[in-house]
């Protein structure tokens, strides 16, 4: 039985298709432990697969507490997803300063030369609002994500106007939905446990 008590489907709200640089916003009834009420930034979307990072699952460690020989830096680590949770990834807004960066959208990049990033941090040439760190990533093949879309799992949103600082905001999931229109706002206010409503 569906947990969705609404008189419309989640997928009917989508006017956008998933692609690199867009956000996947989890429908409020999703029970998956990794993706419940998550917001995922897609950094790759092509025939080889889909890669993204969960933006709103901060861990309790700062980057310098988790990574050996990392300079002190007031930036938390986020759980990026269930794939390769033994690896560190990052997105940033400083491609001019970080070689080997990969474009996501105009003002956002991911990956790049990690040693150079550390050097920039040591020299105070990059700041916490310009970079975001993740353990693991989220991955799909294209057909798998299309199936999840058909099954009302995700709402698609643009990230064009958002900064890394915006991504780190409290209540990101609720805020993004509430700004998308009245039907989306209803979703943003839905309780975690629909049986309590």
Foldseek 3Di string as FASTA:
>chain_A
DDPDPDPDFLLVLAPDDDAQQKKWAFFQQDDPPFRHRWIWHWHHDDQVWTWTFTLEAWDPDAPPVPDPPAPDAPATEGAGDDAQLVDKWKKFQCPVQFAPWADRDDRMTIDGDVVSVSVCVVVVNDHRQGMYMHRGIDIDRPVVVVVCSVVRTTHMGGCVVPGSNLSNDPLSSLVVQCVSDDVSNVRSPQDSDNVVD
